[in-house]
Amino acid sequence: MKKIISIIILSTFAAATFAFSSPSKVQLSSKKNSKAYPDWIFNPYNYYNEAKYLAGVGLGNDINAAEEDAKTEILKVLKQNIDAVQNVKTYADAFTDSSIYTQEINASTAIKSISGIEIDKKFIAAENEAYALAVLNRQEACDNYSTLIKQNDSQIAEYIQWAKAHPGNIQSVVYGQKALKLAIDNEYYIEAIKLIQPPYGSDTSISYGSYVQLLNEVTEIKKGVSVKVVVEGDVKGMAEASIKKAFEKIGVTCTDHDLDHTYLAVVDIKLQNAESPDTKHFFYNYVYTVEIVNKKVYFTYSAYGRAGHLNEQGAKNKAMILITKDIDSKFYQKLAYFAETGVQQ
């Protein structure tokens, strides 16, 4: 099997794109009587060195609204420049067939947890027309991102250490997935620091080397965990497909091979023809249970209900639809919580 290679392509923009752009409403107001407005509304960088600060002017019906709008203006600039589409291409051999998987991931969290935006100036032009000037020190912003990178780096190390110490455990797969998500956040934080361009720089060092190196580690961890799904009483494989989907969503591989699994998921479905309250409908009572076994019972789940239809086959099909919906929602939620915490709700 070929070594998995992941390529991350980040769309970046020149630092010049941080140049301030006044809100359109501010421009409209300036045509009325520009002399009545302070000049920072039209060019905040008359007061701030653009190499060291980001600035944004906000407009609102009152000062509070203007302040929030000013802060949003700065965040918009950051978000527009940091948001990117990652093309993650994974090349792998599956038995004798070579497959290429492409996944597009939209980034929208690069500005989360940022702090340090301050309101420096305010101006009330008229009733329902107020302005505010927000500023952000580039160095402080980058230092904030640097702190987040270090926090994520420490958490990633804990996740991977636990996963390697518990090979074959479903929770190790979940921790690996969580580590990868934090690593993706770090990619954007590092990119943010490059775009904001602090005058003195910030620490962007990471202990896991790179996202690609971490991905390879997590891939090896995932190889040690697999589950075989066995369903009794399934109709058209609906429940089996949903159970497999639930495992795949938490990162666990499903297999159909008898000797190639670390967990066995046994699903028992029972449908019973129920008495109909009228002569025009048929009803089926249903109950299903799931036991995940790894030498001993690892996780259990059960649900029951009733389904009705105009004919008997329709009632049976509807019962299976309700079972699969329950698997997709409630069963998955319980499984995901248990896989992450080791505690069954």
Foldseek 3Di string as FASTA:
>chain_A
DDQKFKDWDWDADALVLLDEDQDPVLVVVCVVPVVLDDCCNVPVCVPPPLLFKRKFKAKWQDFVRRVVRRVVSNVVSLQVGLWGWIWIWIWDDDPPDTDIDTDIDTDRCLCPPFDAKDWDDKDDRDRGIIMTMIMHGLVSRLQRLLVLLVVLLVLLVVLLVVLVVDAQALLNLLSLVVNLVSQVSLVSSVSSNVSSPHPVGHDSDHPQHHSRSSVSSSVVSLQRAEEEEDEDPADPCLQVVLLQVLSVVSPHHYDNDPPRHQKYKYKYKDWDWDDDPDDQKTKIKIKMKIFIDRPHTQDIDMDIDMAMDRDDVVNVVVRNVVSSVCSNPVVSVQVNVCSNPVDGD
